[in-house]
Amino acid sequence: MKLDIIIVDLALVAAVFVPYLLFIWVGNREVKKLKNKFSEEAKKHQLSFDEKTSWNNNIMGLDKKSAKILFVQQKKSGILSEIIALKEVRASEVFKDVQTIKVDQRTEDILQKLELRLKLHNGSEQILGLYDCEENFAQDYELKHAEKWNAIINSLVAFRPTLNSAA
């Protein structure tokens, strides 16, 4: 009789903890894939980072010496990586798309999309999609990270000396 109860208890404990451990294992595997891709791209482009931030499904690193930013993001379709040469960037701005809804007599803003828009010297724009509600359901201080990187980029491109030809 005691053996039957012990077996049932062990089966119940396993039914609770095994899925929990599997979720942790799968999550760590995805994070490890993202970090490996980031390291691989850094080696490929010979970058060493002075500033590096990892949040949600994004990793962003800045190499001040080569004036480049590496951005790696996990999306549903796969891992996206982009190299941004700061020598080509004129300015940066944060674009956020929010939806306002009314909940219990108060209004709340729900973040739909967050982008870092880099204005280039040639007049075009490069967009880094930091958050999209269609891709991610969880938020990890997305706006704080976007504003931090916006400030970093703008501080680096603002102090770049311009060369003007003498008359």
C-alpha atoms as a PDB file:
ATOM      1  CA  MET A   1       0.000   0.000   0.000  1.00  0.00           C
ATOM      2  CA  LYS A   2       2.775   2.436   0.846  1.00  0.00           C
ATOM      3  CA  LEU A   3       4.618   1.651  -2.388  1.00  0.00           C
ATOM      4  CA  ASP A   4       1.579   2.590  -4.483  1.00  0.00           C
ATOM      5  CA  ILE A   5       1.265   5.970  -2.749  1.00  0.00           C
ATOM      6  CA  ILE A   6       4.981   6.681  -3.205  1.00  0.00           C
ATOM      7  CA  ILE A   7       4.762   5.856  -6.914  1.00  0.00           C
ATOM      8  CA  VAL A   8       1.721   8.105  -7.364  1.00  0.00           C
ATOM      9  CA  ASP A   9       3.453  10.927  -5.434  1.00  0.00           C
ATOM     10  CA  LEU A  10       6.575  10.608  -7.572  1.00  0.00           C
ATOM     11  CA  ALA A  11       4.490  10.627 -10.762  1.00  0.00           C
ATOM     12  CA  LEU A  12       2.660  13.781  -9.636  1.00  0.00           C
ATOM     13  CA  VAL A  13       5.891  15.535  -8.703  1.00  0.00           C
ATOM     14  CA  ALA A  14       7.415  14.551 -12.058  1.00  0.00           C
ATOM     15  CA  ALA A  15       4.296  15.756 -13.910  1.00  0.00           C
ATOM     16  CA  VAL A  16       4.718  19.179 -12.301  1.00  0.00           C
ATOM     17  CA  PHE A  17       8.491  19.668 -12.421  1.00  0.00           C
ATOM     18  CA  VAL A  18       9.485  18.028 -15.705  1.00  0.00           C
ATOM     19  CA  PRO A  19       7.569  20.520 -17.910  1.00  0.00           C
ATOM     20  CA  TYR A  20       8.915  23.387 -15.808  1.00  0.00           C
ATOM     21  CA  LEU A  21      12.493  22.170 -16.276  1.00  0.00           C
ATOM     22  CA  LEU A  22      11.897  21.620 -20.004  1.00  0.00           C
ATOM     23  CA  PHE A  23      10.695  25.228 -20.423  1.00  0.00           C
ATOM     24  CA  ILE A  24      13.832  26.487 -18.679  1.00  0.00           C
ATOM     25  CA  TRP A  25      16.053  24.252 -20.815  1.00  0.00           C
ATOM     26  CA  VAL A  26      14.408  25.318 -24.099  1.00  0.00           C
ATOM     27  CA  GLY A  27      14.568  29.010 -23.091  1.00  0.00           C
ATOM     28  CA  ASN A  28      18.255  28.774 -22.227  1.00  0.00           C
ATOM     29  CA  ARG A  29      18.944  27.039 -25.525  1.00  0.00           C
ATOM     30  CA  GLU A  30      17.345  29.924 -27.463  1.00  0.00           C
ATOM     31  CA  VAL A  31      19.321  32.507 -25.486  1.00  0.00           C
ATOM     32  CA  LYS A  32      22.524  30.540 -26.082  1.00  0.00           C
ATOM     33  CA  LYS A  33      21.815  30.461 -29.837  1.00  0.00           C
ATOM     34  CA  LEU A  34      21.356  34.228 -29.853  1.00  0.00           C
ATOM     35  CA  LYS A  35      24.584  34.805 -27.891  1.00  0.00           C
ATOM     36  CA  ASN A  36      26.501  32.441 -30.170  1.00  0.00           C
ATOM     37  CA  LYS A  37      25.264  34.322 -33.254  1.00  0.00           C
ATOM     38  CA  PHE A  38      26.298  37.604 -31.647  1.00  0.00           C
ATOM     39  CA  SER A  39      29.791  36.259 -30.896  1.00  0.00           C
ATOM     40  CA  GLU A  40      30.077  34.773 -34.382  1.00  0.00           C
ATOM     41  CA  GLU A  41      29.165  38.088 -36.045  1.00  0.00           C
ATOM     42  CA  ALA A  42      31.556  39.976 -33.751  1.00  0.00           C
ATOM     43  CA  LYS A  43      34.442  37.689 -34.738  1.00  0.00           C
ATOM     44  CA  LYS A  44      33.498  37.854 -38.412  1.00  0.00           C
ATOM     45  CA  HIS A  45      33.591  41.675 -38.416  1.00  0.00           C
ATOM     46  CA  GLN A  46      36.478  41.882 -35.901  1.00  0.00           C
ATOM     47  CA  LEU A  47      34.533  43.867 -33.308  1.00  0.00           C
ATOM     48  CA  SER A  48      35.340  44.278 -29.630  1.00  0.00           C
ATOM     49  CA  PHE A  49      32.607  45.916 -27.628  1.00  0.00           C
ATOM     50  CA  ASP A  50      32.882  48.863 -25.270  1.00  0.00           C
ATOM     51  CA  GLU A  51      29.145  48.774 -24.598  1.00  0.00           C
ATOM     52  CA  LYS A  52      26.879  45.736 -24.806  1.00  0.00           C
ATOM     53  CA  THR A  53      23.257  45.238 -23.780  1.00  0.00           C
ATOM     54  CA  SER A  54      21.111  42.127 -23.885  1.00  0.00           C
ATOM     55  CA  TRP A  55      17.355  42.210 -23.327  1.00  0.00           C
ATOM     56  CA  ASN A  56      14.354  40.156 -24.351  1.00  0.00           C
ATOM     57  CA  ASN A  57      15.303  38.744 -27.785  1.00  0.00           C
ATOM     58  CA  ASN A  58      17.853  41.456 -28.620  1.00  0.00           C
ATOM     59  CA  ILE A  59      21.582  41.934 -28.173  1.00  0.00           C
ATOM     60  CA  MET A  60      23.240  45.200 -29.138  1.00  0.00           C
ATOM     61  CA  GLY A  61      26.915  46.038 -28.901  1.00  0.00           C
ATOM     62  CA  LEU A  62      29.003  49.127 -29.671  1.00  0.00           C
ATOM     63  CA  ASP A  63      32.613  49.104 -30.838  1.00  0.00           C
ATOM     64  CA  LYS A  64      33.832  52.692 -30.451  1.00  0.00           C
ATOM     65  CA  LYS A  65      37.173  51.996 -32.105  1.00  0.00           C
ATOM     66  CA  SER A  66      35.658  50.905 -35.423  1.00  0.00           C
ATOM     67  CA  ALA A  67      32.531  53.069 -34.868  1.00  0.00           C
ATOM     68  CA  LYS A  68      30.132  50.194 -35.494  1.00  0.00           C
ATOM     69  CA  ILE A  69      27.099  48.767 -33.770  1.00  0.00           C
ATOM     70  CA  LEU A  70      26.130  45.112 -33.996  1.00  0.00           C
ATOM     71  CA  PHE A  71      22.446  44.347 -33.517  1.00  0.00           C
ATOM     72  CA  VAL A  72      21.263  40.736 -33.258  1.00  0.00           C
ATOM     73  CA  GLN A  73      17.604  39.835 -32.763  1.00  0.00           C
ATOM     74  CA  GLN A  74      15.661  36.590 -32.471  1.00  0.00           C
ATOM     75  CA  LYS A  75      12.532  36.678 -34.614  1.00  0.00           C
ATOM     76  CA  LYS A  76       9.949  34.053 -35.493  1.00  0.00           C
ATOM     77  CA  SER A  77      11.569  33.658 -38.902  1.00  0.00           C
ATOM     78  CA  GLY A  78      15.095  33.258 -37.486  1.00  0.00           C
ATOM     79  CA  ILE A  79      17.981  35.303 -36.185  1.00  0.00           C
ATOM     80  CA  LEU A  80      18.485  38.738 -37.736  1.00  0.00           C
ATOM     81  CA  SER A  81      21.836  40.508 -37.493  1.00  0.00           C
ATOM     82  CA  GLU A  82      22.737  43.993 -38.664  1.00  0.00           C
ATOM     83  CA  ILE A  83      25.941  46.020 -38.638  1.00  0.00           C
ATOM     84  CA  ILE A  84      25.517  49.781 -38.414  1.00  0.00           C
ATOM     85  CA  ALA A  85      28.466  51.964 -39.385  1.00  0.00           C
ATOM     86  CA  LEU A  86      28.192  55.109 -37.285  1.00  0.00           C
ATOM     87  CA  LYS A  87      30.208  57.055 -39.860  1.00  0.00           C
ATOM     88  CA  GLU A  88      27.162  56.889 -42.128  1.00  0.00           C
ATOM     89  CA  VAL A  89      24.669  57.947 -39.416  1.00  0.00           C
ATOM     90  CA  ARG A  90      23.641  61.588 -39.134  1.00  0.00           C
ATOM     91  CA  ALA A  91      21.098  61.269 -36.300  1.00  0.00           C
ATOM     92  CA  SER A  92      18.968  58.771 -34.434  1.00  0.00           C
ATOM     93  CA  GLU A  93      15.456  58.905 -33.023  1.00  0.00           C
ATOM     94  CA  VAL A  94      13.099  56.586 -31.191  1.00  0.00           C
ATOM     95  CA  PHE A  95       9.770  55.861 -32.840  1.00  0.00           C
ATOM     96  CA  LYS A  96       7.070  54.272 -30.734  1.00  0.00           C
ATOM     97  CA  ASP A  97       3.628  53.220 -31.832  1.00  0.00           C
ATOM     98  CA  VAL A  98       1.160  52.953 -28.957  1.00  0.00           C
ATOM     99  CA  GLN A  99      -2.479  52.034 -28.867  1.00  0.00           C
ATOM    100  CA  THR A 100      -4.637  53.773 -26.292  1.00  0.00           C
ATOM    101  CA  ILE A 101      -7.399  51.692 -24.768  1.00  0.00           C
ATOM    102  CA  LYS A 102      -9.868  52.387 -21.992  1.00  0.00           C
ATOM    103  CA  VAL A 103      -9.878  49.992 -19.054  1.00  0.00           C
ATOM    104  CA  ASP A 104     -12.146  50.554 -16.035  1.00  0.00           C
ATOM    105  CA  GLN A 105     -12.602  54.318 -16.410  1.00  0.00           C
ATOM    106  CA  ARG A 106      -8.931  54.980 -17.172  1.00  0.00           C
ATOM    107  CA  THR A 107      -6.911  54.971 -20.344  1.00  0.00           C
ATOM    108  CA  GLU A 108      -3.785  52.912 -20.871  1.00  0.00           C
ATOM    109  CA  ASP A 109      -1.189  53.076 -23.598  1.00  0.00           C
ATOM    110  CA  ILE A 110      -0.131  49.700 -24.956  1.00  0.00           C
ATOM    111  CA  LEU A 111       3.129  49.535 -26.871  1.00  0.00           C
ATOM    112  CA  GLN A 112       2.606  48.084 -30.333  1.00  0.00           C
ATOM    113  CA  LYS A 113       5.935  48.781 -32.021  1.00  0.00           C
ATOM    114  CA  LEU A 114       9.250  50.342 -31.052  1.00  0.00           C
ATOM    115  CA  GLU A 115      11.915  51.282 -33.567  1.00  0.00           C
ATOM    116  CA  LEU A 116      15.243  53.017 -33.596  1.00  0.00           C
ATOM    117  CA  ARG A 117      15.344  55.099 -36.775  1.00  0.00           C
ATOM    118  CA  LEU A 118      18.809  56.011 -37.980  1.00  0.00           C
ATOM    119  CA  LYS A 119      19.003  58.885 -40.446  1.00  0.00           C
ATOM    120  CA  LEU A 120      21.924  58.425 -42.791  1.00  0.00           C
ATOM    121  CA  HIS A 121      24.020  61.058 -44.564  1.00  0.00           C
ATOM    122  CA  ASN A 122      22.725  59.979 -47.977  1.00  0.00           C
ATOM    123  CA  GLY A 123      19.164  60.917 -46.935  1.00  0.00           C
ATOM    124  CA  SER A 124      17.885  57.391 -46.416  1.00  0.00           C
ATOM    125  CA  GLU A 125      16.815  55.829 -43.152  1.00  0.00           C
ATOM    126  CA  GLN A 126      17.811  52.555 -41.513  1.00  0.00           C
ATOM    127  CA  ILE A 127      15.257  51.127 -39.118  1.00  0.00           C
ATOM    128  CA  LEU A 128      16.038  48.781 -36.241  1.00  0.00           C
ATOM    129  CA  GLY A 129      12.832  47.138 -35.040  1.00  0.00           C
ATOM    130  CA  LEU A 130      13.456  46.698 -31.317  1.00  0.00           C
ATOM    131  CA  TYR A 131       9.951  45.532 -30.403  1.00  0.00           C
ATOM    132  CA  ASP A 132       6.850  44.430 -32.270  1.00  0.00           C
ATOM    133  CA  CYS A 133       3.795  43.087 -30.472  1.00  0.00           C
ATOM    134  CA  GLU A 134       3.245  40.670 -33.361  1.00  0.00           C
ATOM    135  CA  GLU A 135       6.659  39.058 -32.704  1.00  0.00           C
ATOM    136  CA  ASN A 136       6.950  39.289 -28.893  1.00  0.00           C
ATOM    137  CA  PHE A 137       4.385  39.274 -26.177  1.00  0.00           C
ATOM    138  CA  ALA A 138       6.764  40.071 -23.327  1.00  0.00           C
ATOM    139  CA  GLN A 139       8.343  43.450 -22.730  1.00  0.00           C
ATOM    140  CA  ASP A 140      11.607  43.975 -20.884  1.00  0.00           C
ATOM    141  CA  TYR A 141      11.988  47.745 -20.436  1.00  0.00           C
ATOM    142  CA  GLU A 142      11.945  48.128 -24.202  1.00  0.00           C
ATOM    143  CA  LEU A 143      11.552  51.905 -24.187  1.00  0.00           C
ATOM    144  CA  LYS A 144      14.354  52.325 -21.645  1.00  0.00           C
ATOM    145  CA  HIS A 145      16.745  50.322 -23.829  1.00  0.00           C
ATOM    146  CA  ALA A 146      15.704  52.200 -26.970  1.00  0.00           C
ATOM    147  CA  GLU A 147      16.262  55.571 -25.315  1.00  0.00           C
ATOM    148  CA  LYS A 148      19.627  54.433 -23.954  1.00  0.00           C
ATOM    149  CA  TRP A 149      20.877  53.370 -27.391  1.00  0.00           C
ATOM    150  CA  ASN A 150      19.392  56.464 -28.997  1.00  0.00           C
ATOM    151  CA  ALA A 151      21.372  58.640 -26.559  1.00  0.00           C
ATOM    152  CA  ILE A 152      24.565  56.637 -27.164  1.00  0.00           C
ATOM    153  CA  ILE A 153      24.258  56.903 -30.941  1.00  0.00           C
ATOM    154  CA  ASN A 154      23.377  60.595 -30.916  1.00  0.00           C
ATOM    155  CA  SER A 155      26.263  61.408 -28.567  1.00  0.00           C
ATOM    156  CA  LEU A 156      28.724  59.608 -30.844  1.00  0.00           C
ATOM    157  CA  VAL A 157      27.521  61.161 -34.090  1.00  0.00           C
ATOM    158  CA  ALA A 158      27.109  64.677 -32.620  1.00  0.00           C
ATOM    159  CA  PHE A 159      30.793  65.066 -31.742  1.00  0.00           C
ATOM    160  CA  ARG A 160      32.117  63.866 -35.064  1.00  0.00           C
ATOM    161  CA  PRO A 161      34.223  66.645 -36.558  1.00  0.00           C
ATOM    162  CA  THR A 162      33.150  67.835 -39.976  1.00  0.00           C
ATOM    163  CA  LEU A 163      35.746  68.654 -42.556  1.00  0.00           C
ATOM    164  CA  ASN A 164      35.040  71.728 -44.598  1.00  0.00           C
ATOM    165  CA  SER A 165      37.201  72.835 -47.451  1.00  0.00           C
ATOM    166  CA  ALA A 166      38.959  76.120 -47.007  1.00  0.00           C
ATOM    167  CA  ALA A 167      38.231  78.893 -49.455  1.00  0.00           C
END
